[in-house]
Protein backbone atom coordinates (compact mmCIF):
# COMPACT_ATOMS: atom_id res chain seq x y z
CA MET A 1 0.00 0.00 0.00
CA SER A 2 1.22 3.48 -0.80
CA ASP A 3 2.12 5.75 2.09
CA ALA A 4 0.79 8.78 0.24
CA VAL A 5 -1.94 9.79 -2.18
CA THR A 6 -0.63 10.32 -5.72
CA LEU A 7 -1.64 13.59 -7.43
CA GLU A 8 -2.52 13.84 -11.10
CA ALA A 9 0.33 16.34 -11.56
CA GLY A 10 2.81 13.73 -10.51
CA GLY A 11 3.40 14.91 -6.96
CA VAL A 12 2.26 13.29 -3.77
CA LEU A 13 -0.03 14.49 -1.05
CA PRO A 14 0.52 13.05 2.44
CA ARG A 15 -2.46 11.06 3.65
CA ARG A 16 -4.68 13.03 6.03
CA ILE A 17 -4.27 11.95 9.64
CA ASP A 18 -7.58 11.16 11.29
CA ALA A 19 -7.66 11.62 15.06
CA ALA A 20 -9.90 8.58 15.36
CA ASP A 21 -7.18 6.43 13.80
CA LEU A 22 -4.56 7.74 16.22
CA ILE A 23 -6.88 6.93 19.10
CA ALA A 24 -7.43 3.44 17.69
CA LEU A 25 -3.66 2.84 17.78
CA VAL A 26 -3.58 3.04 21.58
CA LYS A 27 -6.36 0.40 21.85
CA PRO A 28 -8.74 2.50 23.99
CA ARG A 29 -10.56 -0.37 25.70
CA ILE A 30 -7.32 -2.00 26.81
CA LEU A 31 -5.97 1.41 27.81
CA LEU A 32 -9.01 2.12 29.96
CA MET A 33 -8.65 -1.23 31.71
CA THR A 34 -4.99 -0.53 32.50
CA LEU A 35 -5.88 2.85 33.98
CA VAL A 36 -8.48 1.22 36.21
CA THR A 37 -6.00 -1.40 37.40
CA ALA A 38 -3.30 1.22 37.96
CA ALA A 39 -5.66 3.33 40.06
CA GLY A 40 -6.82 0.19 41.86
CA GLY A 41 -3.26 -0.84 42.66
CA MET A 42 -2.60 2.63 44.02
CA SER A 43 -5.70 2.56 46.20
CA LEU A 44 -4.71 -0.81 47.67
CA ALA A 45 -1.18 0.23 48.60
CA PRO A 46 -0.54 1.18 52.22
CA GLY A 47 -0.40 4.95 52.46
CA SER A 48 -2.56 8.04 52.19
CA PHE A 49 -4.37 9.09 49.01
CA ALA A 50 -3.21 12.21 47.16
CA LEU A 51 -4.70 13.57 43.95
CA ALA A 52 -1.48 14.84 42.33
CA PRO A 53 0.34 11.46 42.32
CA LEU A 54 -2.81 9.80 41.02
CA LEU A 55 -2.97 12.18 38.07
CA VAL A 56 0.71 11.66 37.30
CA LEU A 57 0.27 7.89 37.51
CA LEU A 58 -2.74 7.89 35.20
CA ALA A 59 -1.09 10.19 32.66
CA GLY A 60 2.17 8.24 32.65
CA THR A 61 0.40 4.89 32.48
CA ALA A 62 -1.81 6.05 29.62
CA LEU A 63 1.24 7.19 27.67
CA ILE A 64 3.38 4.09 28.23
CA VAL A 65 0.50 1.73 27.46
CA GLY A 66 -0.47 3.82 24.45
CA ALA A 67 3.12 3.72 23.24
CA ALA A 68 3.35 -0.05 23.61
CA ASN A 69 0.02 -0.63 21.84
CA THR A 70 0.89 1.77 19.04
CA LEU A 71 4.27 0.19 18.35
CA ASN A 72 2.73 -3.27 18.59
CA MET A 73 0.32 -2.28 15.80
CA TYR A 74 3.20 -0.79 13.83
CA LEU A 75 5.26 -3.99 14.05
CA GLU A 76 2.28 -6.27 13.34
CA ARG A 77 0.68 -4.28 10.53
CA GLU A 78 1.33 -7.00 7.95
CA VAL A 79 0.17 -9.80 10.24
CA ASP A 80 -2.98 -7.84 11.08
CA CYS A 81 -3.93 -7.89 7.39
CA LEU A 82 -4.39 -11.66 7.67
CA MET A 83 -6.75 -11.77 10.65
CA VAL A 84 -10.46 -11.05 10.53
CA ARG A 85 -10.53 -9.24 13.87
CA THR A 86 -7.56 -6.96 13.04
CA LYS A 87 -7.67 -6.32 9.29
CA ASP A 88 -9.71 -3.12 9.71
CA ARG A 89 -7.21 -1.46 12.03
CA PRO A 90 -5.77 1.85 10.74
CA LEU A 91 -2.46 0.45 9.44
CA PRO A 92 -3.55 -2.74 7.65
CA ALA A 93 -6.56 -0.88 6.24
CA GLY A 94 -4.22 1.77 4.81
CA ARG A 95 -5.84 4.71 6.58
CA LEU A 96 -2.63 5.70 8.35
CA GLU A 97 1.01 5.81 7.27
CA PRO A 98 3.33 3.46 9.21
CA ARG A 99 5.82 6.27 9.86
CA VAL A 100 3.09 8.28 11.61
CA ALA A 101 2.33 5.36 13.93
CA LEU A 102 6.04 4.85 14.62
CA GLY A 103 6.55 8.49 15.53
CA PHE A 104 3.40 8.60 17.62
CA GLY A 105 4.42 5.53 19.61
CA VAL A 106 7.99 6.69 20.24
CA ALA A 107 6.82 10.15 21.29
CA GLN A 108 4.47 8.69 23.90
CA ALA A 109 7.22 6.51 25.35
CA LEU A 110 9.68 9.41 25.52
CA VAL A 111 7.21 11.47 27.55
CA SER A 112 5.86 8.74 29.82
CA VAL A 113 9.05 7.36 31.36
CA PRO A 114 10.44 10.73 32.62
CA LEU A 115 6.96 11.71 33.81
CA LEU A 116 6.61 8.60 35.94
CA SER A 117 10.24 8.55 37.07
CA PHE A 118 10.44 12.16 38.21
CA GLY A 119 6.80 13.11 38.82
CA LEU A 120 6.13 10.83 41.78
CA GLY A 121 8.85 11.93 44.17
CA ALA A 122 10.79 9.16 45.89
CA ALA A 123 8.38 6.54 44.49
CA GLY A 124 9.08 7.61 40.91
CA PRO A 125 12.22 5.62 39.99
CA MET A 126 10.67 2.24 40.83
CA THR A 127 7.43 3.10 39.02
CA GLY A 128 9.38 4.31 36.00
CA LEU A 129 11.41 1.10 36.00
CA CYS A 130 8.22 -0.97 36.05
CA ALA A 131 6.94 1.05 33.08
CA VAL A 132 10.14 0.39 31.13
CA ILE A 133 9.95 -3.35 31.89
CA ALA A 134 6.33 -3.44 30.70
CA PHE A 135 7.17 -1.52 27.52
CA VAL A 136 10.24 -3.58 26.60
CA SER A 137 8.62 -6.93 27.37
CA TYR A 138 5.56 -6.08 25.25
CA VAL A 139 7.15 -4.39 22.25
CA MET A 140 10.56 -6.02 22.01
CA VAL A 141 9.91 -9.52 23.38
CA TYR A 142 6.23 -10.45 23.25
CA THR A 143 5.43 -8.96 19.83
CA PRO A 144 8.15 -10.73 17.82
CA MET A 145 7.84 -13.93 19.86
CA LYS A 146 4.16 -14.38 18.99
CA GLN A 147 5.11 -15.84 15.62
CA ARG A 148 7.73 -18.17 17.08
CA SER A 149 6.47 -19.66 20.34
CA HIS A 150 3.31 -19.97 22.40
CA VAL A 151 5.45 -18.99 25.39
CA ALA A 152 4.74 -15.44 24.25
CA THR A 153 1.46 -15.71 26.16
CA TRP A 154 3.34 -15.64 29.47
CA ILE A 155 5.60 -12.81 28.33
CA GLY A 156 2.59 -10.78 27.25
CA ALA A 157 0.97 -11.27 30.63
CA ILE A 158 3.77 -9.28 32.29
CA PRO A 159 2.88 -5.88 30.75
CA GLY A 160 -0.78 -6.76 31.08
CA ALA A 161 -0.46 -6.98 34.86
CA MET A 162 2.21 -4.31 35.36
CA PRO A 163 -0.10 -1.24 35.68
CA ALA A 164 -1.48 -2.60 38.97
CA LEU A 165 2.05 -2.99 40.32
CA MET A 166 2.91 0.50 39.06
CA GLY A 167 -0.03 1.82 41.05
CA TRP A 168 1.30 0.05 44.13
CA THR A 169 4.88 1.31 43.71
CA ALA A 170 3.63 4.86 43.04
CA VAL A 171 2.69 4.91 46.73
CA THR A 172 5.25 2.64 48.37
CA GLY A 173 8.26 3.09 46.10
CA THR A 174 9.03 -0.61 46.59
CA ILE A 175 7.96 -4.02 45.33
CA ASP A 176 6.78 -6.08 48.29
CA ALA A 177 4.63 -9.16 48.88
CA GLY A 178 1.32 -7.31 48.69
CA GLY A 179 2.20 -5.62 45.42
CA LEU A 180 3.43 -8.86 43.91
CA VAL A 181 0.20 -10.69 44.75
CA VAL A 182 -1.91 -7.89 43.24
CA PHE A 183 0.30 -8.23 40.16
CA ALA A 184 -0.07 -12.03 40.22
CA VAL A 185 -3.89 -11.88 40.27
CA LEU A 186 -3.87 -10.03 36.96
CA PHE A 187 -0.93 -12.00 35.54
CA VAL A 188 -2.39 -15.46 36.11
CA TRP A 189 -5.88 -14.41 34.95
CA GLN A 190 -4.52 -13.71 31.48
CA ILE A 191 -3.35 -17.28 30.84
CA PRO A 192 -6.73 -19.10 30.70
CA HIS A 193 -8.28 -15.94 29.24
CA PHE A 194 -5.98 -15.92 26.21
CA HIS A 195 -5.91 -19.69 25.82
CA ALA A 196 -9.71 -19.60 25.57
CA ILE A 197 -9.45 -17.02 22.77
CA THR A 198 -6.97 -19.13 20.85
CA LEU A 199 -9.19 -22.20 21.13
CA TYR A 200 -12.25 -20.66 19.48
CA ARG A 201 -10.26 -18.50 17.06
CA LEU A 202 -7.55 -21.02 16.24
CA ARG A 203 -7.96 -20.85 12.46
CA ASP A 204 -7.63 -17.07 12.51
CA TYR A 205 -4.38 -17.30 14.48
CA GLN A 206 -3.02 -20.04 12.22
CA ARG A 207 -3.84 -18.00 9.12
CA ALA A 208 -1.76 -15.16 10.51
CA GLY A 209 1.13 -17.48 11.40
CA LEU A 210 0.90 -16.86 15.14
CA ALA A 211 2.08 -19.56 17.52
CA THR A 212 -0.51 -20.68 20.06
CA LEU A 213 -0.70 -23.44 22.62
CA PRO A 214 -3.54 -25.34 20.86
CA GLY A 215 -1.73 -24.96 17.54
CA THR A 216 1.54 -26.24 19.03
CA ARG A 217 0.53 -28.86 21.57
CA GLY A 218 -3.11 -29.48 20.75
CA GLU A 219 -6.50 -28.60 22.21
CA ALA A 220 -6.42 -31.23 24.96
CA ALA A 221 -3.19 -29.83 26.41
CA THR A 222 -4.67 -26.34 26.21
CA ARG A 223 -7.76 -27.37 28.16
CA VAL A 224 -5.55 -28.92 30.84
CA GLU A 225 -3.56 -25.71 31.15
CA ILE A 226 -6.72 -23.62 31.31
CA VAL A 227 -8.02 -25.67 34.23
CA MET A 228 -4.65 -25.68 35.97
CA TYR A 229 -4.22 -21.91 35.79
CA SER A 230 -7.80 -21.21 36.78
CA MET A 231 -7.05 -23.14 39.96
CA VAL A 232 -3.84 -21.17 40.46
CA GLN A 233 -5.87 -18.01 39.93
CA LEU A 234 -8.22 -18.99 42.75
CA VAL A 235 -5.36 -19.64 45.17
CA VAL A 236 -3.50 -16.44 44.27
CA SER A 237 -6.63 -14.33 44.67
CA LEU A 238 -7.17 -15.65 48.19
CA LEU A 239 -3.63 -14.71 49.20
CA LEU A 240 -4.68 -11.06 49.33
CA TYR A 241 -6.85 -11.89 52.31
CA ALA A 242 -4.09 -13.94 53.93
CA LEU A 243 -1.69 -10.99 53.62
CA GLY A 244 -4.21 -8.57 55.08
CA VAL A 245 -4.45 -6.48 51.92
CA CYS A 246 -8.20 -7.14 51.72
CA GLY A 247 -10.85 -8.19 54.22
CA PRO A 248 -13.75 -10.65 54.63
CA PHE A 249 -15.97 -9.08 51.96
CA TYR A 250 -13.29 -9.58 49.34
CA LEU A 251 -12.65 -13.11 50.60
CA VAL A 252 -16.28 -14.09 50.01
CA VAL A 253 -16.43 -12.52 46.55
CA ALA A 254 -13.08 -13.97 45.46
CA ALA A 255 -13.89 -17.43 46.79
CA VAL A 256 -17.39 -17.69 45.32
CA SER A 257 -16.52 -16.23 41.92
CA GLY A 258 -13.24 -18.13 41.83
CA PHE A 259 -14.84 -21.50 42.51
CA ALA A 260 -17.54 -20.77 39.92
CA TYR A 261 -14.99 -19.75 37.29
CA THR A 262 -12.74 -22.73 38.02
CA GLY A 263 -15.72 -25.07 38.02
CA TYR A 264 -16.82 -23.94 34.58
CA ALA A 265 -13.26 -24.25 33.30
CA ALA A 266 -13.07 -27.80 34.67
CA SER A 267 -16.36 -28.72 32.97
CA GLY A 268 -14.60 -28.53 29.60
CA LEU A 269 -11.49 -30.44 30.60
CA PHE A 270 -12.24 -33.53 28.51
CA HIS A 271 -14.78 -32.43 25.92
CA GLY A 272 -14.62 -28.63 25.82
CA ASP A 273 -15.36 -27.29 22.34
CA ALA A 274 -15.21 -23.85 20.72
CA ARG A 275 -18.54 -22.87 22.30
CA TRP A 276 -17.24 -23.77 25.76
CA ALA A 277 -14.03 -21.80 25.09
CA ARG A 278 -15.96 -18.72 24.02
CA ARG A 279 -18.21 -18.90 27.08
CA LEU A 280 -15.15 -19.30 29.30
CA PHE A 281 -13.63 -16.24 27.66
CA LEU A 282 -16.79 -14.25 28.40
CA ALA A 283 -16.83 -15.59 31.96
CA SER A 284 -13.26 -14.39 32.45
CA ILE A 285 -14.32 -10.88 31.39
CA VAL A 286 -16.98 -10.92 34.11
CA TYR A 287 -14.79 -12.57 36.73
CA LEU A 288 -11.84 -10.15 36.76
CA PRO A 289 -13.75 -6.85 37.14
CA LEU A 290 -15.88 -8.42 39.86
CA VAL A 291 -12.87 -9.59 41.86
CA PHE A 292 -10.90 -6.43 41.24
CA LEU A 293 -13.79 -4.20 42.30
CA ALA A 294 -14.21 -6.20 45.51
CA MET A 295 -10.46 -5.97 46.02
CA VAL A 296 -10.42 -2.18 45.75
CA VAL A 297 -13.59 -1.60 47.77
CA ASP A 298 -12.61 -3.92 50.61
CA GLY A 299 -9.00 -2.79 50.53
CA ARG A 300 -10.05 0.77 51.38
CA LEU A 301 -12.55 -0.11 54.13
């Protein structure tokens, strides 16, 4: 695809940049979720609430996540052409020049890291470091690995869970047991969540040449891993109560929803089909916000 519109006179006219396409590059729904988890992590951390650090955290998180998502789309623009769910994105659809996306992504990263590192006082360096780890693991490790190994799923879960830890470190300035468990709740959740997607969209992933667990080791092995990690998810979620981060209300919500989620995952262990995988995916979307909301509410009581 041409990066410019050819004029009849023989010159070229740069393609008009649509703000909606720039917004699409940052993946707004994912971005919003990361802001919620960052704010939630901050609210759970031991310490007093202050508006200024919260605003810095949200701005820096939005920029670093936006940068990672933008550069991910830039690097995967050719792969996205091959998948039904991604072919209409701004780059594969030809609505935006690749160089614009590259510049937009780099600019966001260059602003976000100093903002987080120096805008949060003594807590800034650790939060900035977490942001860098999330950015590098997503753009430079996870993105290229997706076409080589299904292990990319675990690498991609690191930046997915990092905003919650960034929220925690923005208050404490350190990575401790409580912050790590909050991180782990979001990290482990992503494994069965993404495996469920790959099960019911396997052909789409194979068409794009992306390595997945069902494509590499088969659907039976994938179902086993889904059940195993849903059980790990339940245990990890209950650790927040054991550490005193959250109270009895959270314990009840996490236990009931966790057993329900794990039970449905286990129901497809031997004969789970694409319909089961899709329903599990939808259940995971309900499960995480429910648990996270209870975590934040009870953590501040």
